C-alpha atoms as a PDB file:
ATOM      1  CA  MET A   1      30.176 -66.786 -40.310  1.00  0.00           C
ATOM      2  CA  TYR A   2      28.975 -68.065 -43.692  1.00  0.00           C
ATOM      3  CA  ASN A   3      29.148 -66.924 -47.305  1.00  0.00           C
ATOM      4  CA  PHE A   4      26.845 -64.117 -48.438  1.00  0.00           C
ATOM      5  CA  GLU A   5      26.770 -61.377 -51.051  1.00  0.00           C
ATOM      6  CA  PHE A   6      27.490 -57.770 -50.104  1.00  0.00           C
ATOM      7  CA  THR A   7      26.325 -54.714 -52.017  1.00  0.00           C
ATOM      8  CA  ARG A   8      26.792 -51.011 -51.319  1.00  0.00           C
ATOM      9  CA  PRO A   9      24.192 -48.958 -53.254  1.00  0.00           C
ATOM     10  CA  LYS A  10      24.556 -45.200 -53.705  1.00  0.00           C
ATOM     11  CA  THR A  11      20.880 -44.203 -53.999  1.00  0.00           C
ATOM     12  CA  VAL A  12      17.587 -45.178 -52.400  1.00  0.00           C
ATOM     13  CA  GLU A  13      16.440 -46.546 -55.757  1.00  0.00           C
ATOM     14  CA  GLU A  14      19.510 -48.770 -56.045  1.00  0.00           C
ATOM     15  CA  ALA A  15      19.014 -49.922 -52.461  1.00  0.00           C
ATOM     16  CA  ALA A  16      15.366 -50.772 -53.115  1.00  0.00           C
ATOM     17  CA  THR A  17      16.340 -52.801 -56.165  1.00  0.00           C
ATOM     18  CA  ALA A  18      18.972 -54.688 -54.159  1.00  0.00           C
ATOM     19  CA  MET A  19      16.469 -55.350 -51.372  1.00  0.00           C
ATOM     20  CA  ALA A  20      14.125 -57.011 -53.870  1.00  0.00           C
ATOM     21  CA  ALA A  21      16.571 -59.914 -54.219  1.00  0.00           C
ATOM     22  CA  GLU A  22      15.664 -63.141 -52.469  1.00  0.00           C
ATOM     23  CA  GLY A  23      17.223 -63.350 -49.005  1.00  0.00           C
ATOM     24  CA  ALA A  24      18.290 -59.684 -48.955  1.00  0.00           C
ATOM     25  CA  GLN A  25      18.494 -57.701 -45.747  1.00  0.00           C
ATOM     26  CA  ALA A  26      19.404 -54.080 -45.085  1.00  0.00           C
ATOM     27  CA  LEU A  27      22.575 -53.355 -43.110  1.00  0.00           C
ATOM     28  CA  GLY A  28      23.000 -50.126 -41.189  1.00  0.00           C
ATOM     29  CA  GLY A  29      25.760 -50.023 -38.607  1.00  0.00           C
ATOM     30  CA  GLY A  30      25.472 -53.779 -38.007  1.00  0.00           C
ATOM     31  CA  GLN A  31      25.350 -53.495 -34.227  1.00  0.00           C
ATOM     32  CA  THR A  32      22.381 -55.866 -34.007  1.00  0.00           C
ATOM     33  CA  LEU A  33      22.434 -57.741 -37.298  1.00  0.00           C
ATOM     34  CA  LEU A  34      26.065 -58.869 -37.374  1.00  0.00           C
ATOM     35  CA  PRO A  35      26.034 -60.452 -33.878  1.00  0.00           C
ATOM     36  CA  THR A  36      22.842 -62.328 -34.744  1.00  0.00           C
ATOM     37  CA  MET A  37      24.447 -63.556 -37.964  1.00  0.00           C
ATOM     38  CA  LYS A  38      27.480 -64.790 -36.050  1.00  0.00           C
ATOM     39  CA  GLN A  39      25.156 -66.764 -33.779  1.00  0.00           C
ATOM     40  CA  ARG A  40      23.248 -68.077 -36.839  1.00  0.00           C
ATOM     41  CA  LEU A  41      20.055 -66.463 -35.558  1.00  0.00           C
ATOM     42  CA  ALA A  42      19.853 -64.645 -38.889  1.00  0.00           C
ATOM     43  CA  SER A  43      21.190 -65.814 -42.230  1.00  0.00           C
ATOM     44  CA  PRO A  44      20.556 -63.285 -45.010  1.00  0.00           C
ATOM     45  CA  GLU A  45      21.907 -64.233 -48.414  1.00  0.00           C
ATOM     46  CA  VAL A  46      22.522 -60.617 -49.456  1.00  0.00           C
ATOM     47  CA  LEU A  47      23.556 -57.715 -47.225  1.00  0.00           C
ATOM     48  CA  VAL A  48      22.561 -54.315 -48.579  1.00  0.00           C
ATOM     49  CA  SER A  49      24.699 -51.647 -46.896  1.00  0.00           C
ATOM     50  CA  LEU A  50      22.912 -48.311 -46.489  1.00  0.00           C
ATOM     51  CA  THR A  51      25.856 -46.293 -45.209  1.00  0.00           C
ATOM     52  CA  ASP A  52      26.664 -44.736 -48.604  1.00  0.00           C
ATOM     53  CA  VAL A  53      23.121 -43.950 -49.727  1.00  0.00           C
ATOM     54  CA  ALA A  54      22.822 -40.268 -50.624  1.00  0.00           C
ATOM     55  CA  GLY A  55      20.375 -38.291 -48.533  1.00  0.00           C
ATOM     56  CA  MET A  56      20.049 -40.832 -45.729  1.00  0.00           C
ATOM     57  CA  VAL A  57      22.505 -39.198 -43.345  1.00  0.00           C
ATOM     58  CA  GLY A  58      21.957 -35.996 -41.405  1.00  0.00           C
ATOM     59  CA  VAL A  59      19.783 -34.100 -38.936  1.00  0.00           C
ATOM     60  CA  SER A  60      17.559 -31.139 -39.835  1.00  0.00           C
ATOM     61  CA  THR A  61      14.812 -29.084 -38.206  1.00  0.00           C
ATOM     62  CA  SER A  62      11.793 -27.583 -39.934  1.00  0.00           C
ATOM     63  CA  GLY A  63       8.212 -26.733 -39.002  1.00  0.00           C
ATOM     64  CA  GLY A  64       8.554 -27.852 -35.388  1.00  0.00           C
ATOM     65  CA  ALA A  65       9.909 -31.273 -36.312  1.00  0.00           C
ATOM     66  CA  LEU A  66      13.331 -32.877 -36.200  1.00  0.00           C
ATOM     67  CA  THR A  67      14.082 -35.125 -39.179  1.00  0.00           C
ATOM     68  CA  ILE A  68      16.895 -37.681 -39.032  1.00  0.00           C
ATOM     69  CA  GLY A  69      18.175 -39.682 -41.993  1.00  0.00           C
ATOM     70  CA  GLY A  70      17.850 -43.421 -41.560  1.00  0.00           C
ATOM     71  CA  ALA A  71      21.613 -44.030 -41.861  1.00  0.00           C
ATOM     72  CA  THR A  72      22.523 -41.366 -39.285  1.00  0.00           C
ATOM     73  CA  THR A  73      24.597 -42.692 -36.393  1.00  0.00           C
ATOM     74  CA  HIS A  74      23.691 -42.358 -32.740  1.00  0.00           C
ATOM     75  CA  ALA A  75      26.743 -40.140 -32.222  1.00  0.00           C
ATOM     76  CA  GLN A  76      25.561 -37.755 -34.936  1.00  0.00           C
ATOM     77  CA  VAL A  77      22.094 -37.555 -33.389  1.00  0.00           C
ATOM     78  CA  ALA A  78      23.594 -36.874 -29.970  1.00  0.00           C
ATOM     79  CA  ALA A  79      25.686 -34.009 -31.356  1.00  0.00           C
ATOM     80  CA  GLU A  80      23.379 -32.493 -33.958  1.00  0.00           C
ATOM     81  CA  ALA A  81      20.009 -32.733 -32.151  1.00  0.00           C
ATOM     82  CA  ALA A  82      21.266 -31.349 -28.841  1.00  0.00           C
ATOM     83  CA  ASP A  83      19.928 -27.828 -29.421  1.00  0.00           C
ATOM     84  CA  SER A  84      16.600 -28.677 -31.063  1.00  0.00           C
ATOM     85  CA  TYR A  85      15.559 -31.846 -29.202  1.00  0.00           C
ATOM     86  CA  PRO A  86      17.811 -32.316 -26.151  1.00  0.00           C
ATOM     87  CA  GLY A  87      15.728 -35.184 -24.740  1.00  0.00           C
ATOM     88  CA  LEU A  88      16.285 -37.293 -27.845  1.00  0.00           C
ATOM     89  CA  ALA A  89      19.936 -36.242 -28.105  1.00  0.00           C
ATOM     90  CA  ALA A  90      20.525 -37.392 -24.532  1.00  0.00           C
ATOM     91  CA  LEU A  91      18.936 -40.754 -25.346  1.00  0.00           C
ATOM     92  CA  ALA A  92      21.299 -41.183 -28.299  1.00  0.00           C
ATOM     93  CA  ALA A  93      24.321 -40.129 -26.244  1.00  0.00           C
ATOM     94  CA  ASN A  94      23.774 -42.994 -23.805  1.00  0.00           C
ATOM     95  CA  ILE A  95      23.281 -45.857 -26.247  1.00  0.00           C
ATOM     96  CA  GLY A  96      25.935 -48.538 -25.799  1.00  0.00           C
ATOM     97  CA  ASP A  97      29.539 -47.319 -25.812  1.00  0.00           C
ATOM     98  CA  PRO A  98      31.461 -44.975 -28.161  1.00  0.00           C
ATOM     99  CA  ALA A  99      32.090 -47.767 -30.673  1.00  0.00           C
ATOM    100  CA  VAL A 100      28.385 -48.607 -30.872  1.00  0.00           C
ATOM    101  CA  ARG A 101      27.356 -44.945 -31.070  1.00  0.00           C
ATOM    102  CA  ASN A 102      29.746 -44.286 -33.945  1.00  0.00           C
ATOM    103  CA  ARG A 103      28.553 -47.293 -35.993  1.00  0.00           C
ATOM    104  CA  GLY A 104      24.943 -47.932 -35.038  1.00  0.00           C
ATOM    105  CA  THR A 105      22.199 -46.058 -36.905  1.00  0.00           C
ATOM    106  CA  ILE A 106      18.717 -44.902 -35.997  1.00  0.00           C
ATOM    107  CA  GLY A 107      17.228 -46.727 -38.978  1.00  0.00           C
ATOM    108  CA  GLY A 108      18.928 -49.968 -38.012  1.00  0.00           C
ATOM    109  CA  SER A 109      17.712 -49.697 -34.439  1.00  0.00           C
ATOM    110  CA  LEU A 110      14.107 -49.060 -35.447  1.00  0.00           C
ATOM    111  CA  ALA A 111      14.127 -51.709 -38.181  1.00  0.00           C
ATOM    112  CA  ASN A 112      15.323 -54.415 -35.775  1.00  0.00           C
ATOM    113  CA  ASN A 113      13.027 -53.219 -32.958  1.00  0.00           C
ATOM    114  CA  ASP A 114      15.008 -54.982 -30.271  1.00  0.00           C
ATOM    115  CA  PRO A 115      12.826 -55.134 -27.129  1.00  0.00           C
ATOM    116  CA  ALA A 116      15.611 -53.497 -25.083  1.00  0.00           C
ATOM    117  CA  ALA A 117      16.624 -50.806 -27.595  1.00  0.00           C
ATOM    118  CA  CYS A 118      16.293 -47.126 -26.685  1.00  0.00           C
ATOM    119  CA  TYR A 119      15.142 -45.486 -29.934  1.00  0.00           C
ATOM    120  CA  PRO A 120      11.770 -47.279 -30.072  1.00  0.00           C
ATOM    121  CA  ALA A 121      10.784 -45.572 -26.809  1.00  0.00           C
ATOM    122  CA  GLY A 122      11.874 -42.176 -28.143  1.00  0.00           C
ATOM    123  CA  ALA A 123      10.007 -42.646 -31.408  1.00  0.00           C
ATOM    124  CA  LEU A 124       6.808 -43.937 -29.807  1.00  0.00           C
ATOM    125  CA  ALA A 125       6.686 -41.308 -27.056  1.00  0.00           C
ATOM    126  CA  SER A 126       7.388 -38.517 -29.548  1.00  0.00           C
ATOM    127  CA  GLY A 127       4.704 -39.660 -31.963  1.00  0.00           C
ATOM    128  CA  ALA A 128       7.354 -39.940 -34.665  1.00  0.00           C
ATOM    129  CA  THR A 129       6.760 -40.794 -38.297  1.00  0.00           C
ATOM    130  CA  ILE A 130       8.942 -43.477 -39.898  1.00  0.00           C
ATOM    131  CA  THR A 131       9.488 -42.770 -43.590  1.00  0.00           C
ATOM    132  CA  THR A 132      10.459 -45.599 -45.922  1.00  0.00           C
ATOM    133  CA  ASN A 133      11.145 -45.842 -49.637  1.00  0.00           C
ATOM    134  CA  LYS A 134       7.425 -46.615 -50.016  1.00  0.00           C
ATOM    135  CA  ARG A 135       5.385 -44.730 -47.396  1.00  0.00           C
ATOM    136  CA  ASP A 136       5.096 -42.891 -44.082  1.00  0.00           C
ATOM    137  CA  ILE A 137       4.237 -44.961 -40.989  1.00  0.00           C
ATOM    138  CA  ALA A 138       3.077 -43.481 -37.686  1.00  0.00           C
ATOM    139  CA  ALA A 139       4.999 -44.811 -34.688  1.00  0.00           C
ATOM    140  CA  ASP A 140       1.738 -46.018 -33.128  1.00  0.00           C
ATOM    141  CA  ASP A 141       1.271 -48.310 -36.136  1.00  0.00           C
ATOM    142  CA  TYR A 142       4.910 -49.188 -36.714  1.00  0.00           C
ATOM    143  CA  PHE A 143       5.831 -51.207 -33.595  1.00  0.00           C
ATOM    144  CA  GLN A 144       4.017 -54.536 -33.646  1.00  0.00           C
ATOM    145  CA  GLY A 145       5.690 -56.693 -31.009  1.00  0.00           C
ATOM    146  CA  MET A 146       9.102 -57.995 -30.014  1.00  0.00           C
ATOM    147  CA  PHE A 147      11.391 -57.677 -33.067  1.00  0.00           C
ATOM    148  CA  GLU A 148       8.248 -57.073 -35.176  1.00  0.00           C
ATOM    149  CA  THR A 149       7.472 -53.945 -37.210  1.00  0.00           C
ATOM    150  CA  ALA A 150       5.149 -52.816 -39.986  1.00  0.00           C
ATOM    151  CA  LEU A 151       8.013 -52.926 -42.508  1.00  0.00           C
ATOM    152  CA  ASP A 152       7.658 -55.094 -45.578  1.00  0.00           C
ATOM    153  CA  GLU A 153      10.651 -57.253 -46.458  1.00  0.00           C
ATOM    154  CA  ASP A 154      11.888 -54.870 -49.144  1.00  0.00           C
ATOM    155  CA  GLU A 155      11.235 -51.615 -47.255  1.00  0.00           C
ATOM    156  CA  ILE A 156      14.047 -49.309 -46.150  1.00  0.00           C
ATOM    157  CA  ILE A 157      13.810 -46.661 -43.429  1.00  0.00           C
ATOM    158  CA  THR A 158      15.012 -43.513 -45.176  1.00  0.00           C
ATOM    159  CA  ALA A 159      14.183 -40.978 -42.440  1.00  0.00           C
ATOM    160  CA  VAL A 160      12.453 -40.510 -39.100  1.00  0.00           C
ATOM    161  CA  SER A 161      10.581 -37.309 -38.229  1.00  0.00           C
ATOM    162  CA  PHE A 162      10.092 -36.335 -34.588  1.00  0.00           C
ATOM    163  CA  PRO A 163       7.618 -33.613 -33.603  1.00  0.00           C
ATOM    164  CA  ILE A 164       9.551 -31.574 -31.038  1.00  0.00           C
ATOM    165  CA  PRO A 165       7.686 -31.633 -27.706  1.00  0.00           C
ATOM    166  CA  GLN A 166       7.434 -28.919 -25.085  1.00  0.00           C
ATOM    167  CA  LYS A 167       9.281 -31.130 -22.614  1.00  0.00           C
ATOM    168  CA  ALA A 168      10.859 -34.567 -22.834  1.00  0.00           C
ATOM    169  CA  ASN A 169      13.164 -36.834 -20.897  1.00  0.00           C
ATOM    170  CA  TYR A 170      14.433 -40.405 -21.138  1.00  0.00           C
ATOM    171  CA  GLN A 171      15.416 -42.454 -18.116  1.00  0.00           C
ATOM    172  CA  LYS A 172      17.192 -45.783 -18.523  1.00  0.00           C
ATOM    173  CA  PHE A 173      18.130 -48.463 -16.030  1.00  0.00           C
ATOM    174  CA  ASP A 174      20.700 -50.287 -18.084  1.00  0.00           C
ATOM    175  CA  GLN A 175      22.194 -53.739 -17.999  1.00  0.00           C
ATOM    176  CA  PRO A 176      25.840 -52.916 -17.126  1.00  0.00           C
ATOM    177  CA  ALA A 177      27.513 -55.270 -19.610  1.00  0.00           C
ATOM    178  CA  SER A 178      25.465 -54.490 -22.731  1.00  0.00           C
ATOM    179  CA  ARG A 179      24.184 -50.990 -21.886  1.00  0.00           C
ATOM    180  CA  PHE A 180      20.820 -52.127 -23.256  1.00  0.00           C
ATOM    181  CA  ALA A 181      17.797 -50.960 -21.285  1.00  0.00           C
ATOM    182  CA  LEU A 182      16.703 -53.333 -18.556  1.00  0.00           C
ATOM    183  CA  VAL A 183      13.898 -50.779 -18.485  1.00  0.00           C
ATOM    184  CA  GLY A 184      13.782 -47.426 -20.261  1.00  0.00           C
ATOM    185  CA  VAL A 185      11.033 -44.794 -20.116  1.00  0.00           C
ATOM    186  CA  PHE A 186      10.624 -41.805 -22.426  1.00  0.00           C
ATOM    187  CA  VAL A 187       8.147 -39.089 -21.410  1.00  0.00           C
ATOM    188  CA  ALA A 188       7.116 -36.374 -23.886  1.00  0.00           C
ATOM    189  CA  LYS A 189       4.755 -33.492 -23.105  1.00  0.00           C
ATOM    190  CA  THR A 190       3.171 -31.802 -26.115  1.00  0.00           C
ATOM    191  CA  ALA A 191       0.334 -29.356 -26.705  1.00  0.00           C
ATOM    192  CA  ASP A 192      -1.837 -32.388 -27.479  1.00  0.00           C
ATOM    193  CA  GLY A 193      -1.025 -34.251 -24.277  1.00  0.00           C
ATOM    194  CA  VAL A 194       1.519 -36.508 -22.622  1.00  0.00           C
ATOM    195  CA  ARG A 195       2.924 -39.677 -24.154  1.00  0.00           C
ATOM    196  CA  VAL A 196       4.839 -42.271 -22.129  1.00  0.00           C
ATOM    197  CA  ALA A 197       6.700 -45.101 -23.873  1.00  0.00           C
ATOM    198  CA  VAL A 198       8.435 -48.012 -22.148  1.00  0.00           C
ATOM    199  CA  THR A 199      11.185 -50.224 -23.564  1.00  0.00           C
ATOM    200  CA  GLY A 200      13.081 -53.200 -22.167  1.00  0.00           C
ATOM    201  CA  ALA A 201      10.262 -54.326 -19.903  1.00  0.00           C
ATOM    202  CA  SER A 202       7.532 -56.105 -21.847  1.00  0.00           C
ATOM    203  CA  ASN A 203       7.372 -59.415 -23.684  1.00  0.00           C
ATOM    204  CA  GLY A 204       5.473 -57.479 -26.338  1.00  0.00           C
ATOM    205  CA  GLY A 205       8.297 -55.007 -26.916  1.00  0.00           C
ATOM    206  CA  VAL A 206       8.001 -51.223 -26.631  1.00  0.00           C
ATOM    207  CA  PHE A 207       4.590 -49.955 -25.489  1.00  0.00           C
ATOM    208  CA  ARG A 208       2.750 -46.834 -24.404  1.00  0.00           C
ATOM    209  CA  TRP A 209       1.778 -46.757 -20.735  1.00  0.00           C
ATOM    210  CA  ALA A 210      -1.802 -45.491 -20.931  1.00  0.00           C
ATOM    211  CA  GLU A 211      -2.413 -45.346 -17.176  1.00  0.00           C
ATOM    212  CA  ALA A 212       0.536 -43.013 -16.642  1.00  0.00           C
ATOM    213  CA  GLU A 213      -0.478 -40.857 -19.611  1.00  0.00           C
ATOM    214  CA  THR A 214      -3.969 -40.383 -18.150  1.00  0.00           C
ATOM    215  CA  ALA A 215      -2.560 -39.396 -14.761  1.00  0.00           C
ATOM    216  CA  LEU A 216      -0.010 -36.994 -16.233  1.00  0.00           C
ATOM    217  CA  ASN A 217      -2.524 -35.345 -18.544  1.00  0.00           C
ATOM    218  CA  GLY A 218      -4.434 -34.386 -15.411  1.00  0.00           C
ATOM    219  CA  ASP A 219      -1.357 -33.286 -13.450  1.00  0.00           C
ATOM    220  CA  PHE A 220       2.092 -33.270 -15.010  1.00  0.00           C
ATOM    221  CA  SER A 221       4.024 -34.045 -11.856  1.00  0.00           C
ATOM    222  CA  ALA A 222       5.719 -37.039 -10.296  1.00  0.00           C
ATOM    223  CA  SER A 223       3.190 -36.973  -7.467  1.00  0.00           C
ATOM    224  CA  ALA A 224       0.423 -37.785  -9.964  1.00  0.00           C
ATOM    225  CA  LEU A 225       2.080 -41.181 -10.427  1.00  0.00           C
ATOM    226  CA  GLU A 226       2.251 -42.130  -6.754  1.00  0.00           C
ATOM    227  CA  GLY A 227       0.777 -45.574  -6.219  1.00  0.00           C
ATOM    228  CA  ILE A 228       0.922 -46.407  -9.936  1.00  0.00           C
ATOM    229  CA  SER A 229       3.258 -49.111 -11.190  1.00  0.00           C
ATOM    230  CA  GLY A 230       3.612 -51.181 -14.319  1.00  0.00           C
ATOM    231  CA  ASP A 231       1.613 -54.366 -14.833  1.00  0.00           C
ATOM    232  CA  ALA A 232       3.885 -57.335 -14.107  1.00  0.00           C
ATOM    233  CA  ASP A 233       1.670 -59.843 -15.935  1.00  0.00           C
ATOM    234  CA  ASP A 234       3.390 -59.447 -19.300  1.00  0.00           C
ATOM    235  CA  MET A 235       6.795 -58.208 -18.167  1.00  0.00           C
ATOM    236  CA  ILE A 236      10.045 -59.964 -19.104  1.00  0.00           C
ATOM    237  CA  SER A 237      11.504 -62.136 -16.368  1.00  0.00           C
ATOM    238  CA  ASP A 238      15.105 -63.276 -16.762  1.00  0.00           C
ATOM    239  CA  LEU A 239      18.416 -63.518 -14.920  1.00  0.00           C
ATOM    240  CA  HIS A 240      18.729 -59.716 -14.947  1.00  0.00           C
ATOM    241  CA  GLY A 241      15.407 -59.008 -13.242  1.00  0.00           C
ATOM    242  CA  THR A 242      12.018 -60.491 -12.448  1.00  0.00           C
ATOM    243  CA  ALA A 243       8.775 -59.304 -13.983  1.00  0.00           C
ATOM    244  CA  ALA A 244       7.807 -57.657 -10.687  1.00  0.00           C
ATOM    245  CA  TYR A 245      11.158 -55.854 -10.546  1.00  0.00           C
ATOM    246  CA  ARG A 246      10.722 -54.503 -14.064  1.00  0.00           C
ATOM    247  CA  ALA A 247       7.166 -53.402 -13.292  1.00  0.00           C
ATOM    248  CA  HIS A 248       8.476 -51.507 -10.270  1.00  0.00           C
ATOM    249  CA  LEU A 249      11.217 -49.878 -12.358  1.00  0.00           C
ATOM    250  CA  VAL A 250       8.664 -48.668 -14.895  1.00  0.00           C
ATOM    251  CA  GLY A 251       6.999 -46.579 -12.193  1.00  0.00           C
ATOM    252  CA  VAL A 252      10.262 -45.342 -10.711  1.00  0.00           C
ATOM    253  CA  LEU A 253      11.765 -44.293 -14.038  1.00  0.00           C
ATOM    254  CA  THR A 254       8.580 -42.586 -15.206  1.00  0.00           C
ATOM    255  CA  ARG A 255       8.526 -40.453 -12.060  1.00  0.00           C
ATOM    256  CA  ARG A 256      12.208 -39.608 -12.569  1.00  0.00           C
ATOM    257  CA  ALA A 257      11.579 -38.621 -16.171  1.00  0.00           C
ATOM    258  CA  VAL A 258       8.702 -36.338 -15.237  1.00  0.00           C
ATOM    259  CA  THR A 259      10.790 -34.729 -12.496  1.00  0.00           C
ATOM    260  CA  ALA A 260      13.672 -34.206 -14.918  1.00  0.00           C
ATOM    261  CA  CYS A 261      11.321 -32.479 -17.359  1.00  0.00           C
ATOM    262  CA  GLY A 262      10.921 -29.737 -14.760  1.00  0.00           C
END
């Protein structure tokens, strides 16, 4: 590790001021950022901890939407969203291991936008809104490629609002050592239609699978997806699985998710 400054603001305003410093970076639970710092893949000069910021922790439901504070841990989401949005709660309950779930935060996960993270699929499939200290960003506009988001350098995710769907399910084929998604698929059925988001598979990061959405909007059943598989052309290929294998998993997991929705 190397020398850096550490600050622990108490309000969003204080955090925003700290983030304006040159070389500053927000720190949630540190489950992604700290390992990358240890490997010198990231080298922020100032770490701005968000764990003590008032109003950024907690889960609430209002007007058909579930709102989660940006500094809320995965374990809290798993416990507190179980009644209102069980599909999202189940996603949170299967992130990493207990240590990761009790430290990692939803805001940290979405801000880093790791291509194998679970929350991006949940947010994109749900049509979530990411709220920062500056603005509201629709999930369709927020995710912009592997590790890339619409966030400005000094923006902080203060909350995430999820419209609660009629049905939803997340299926993950995980890499056994890391518990990251080799492929993960989140399916959400709403009054406005079906959204299918895929994580872990593409070189472009999380994406909506339009072909599956079209098929499921016509017939919300696993049989509607027979003969449809992901496009291997832009899939990740590594020691854990080839592009063709990931493309195949996309189809398999989407059918499982639809079946699980009932």
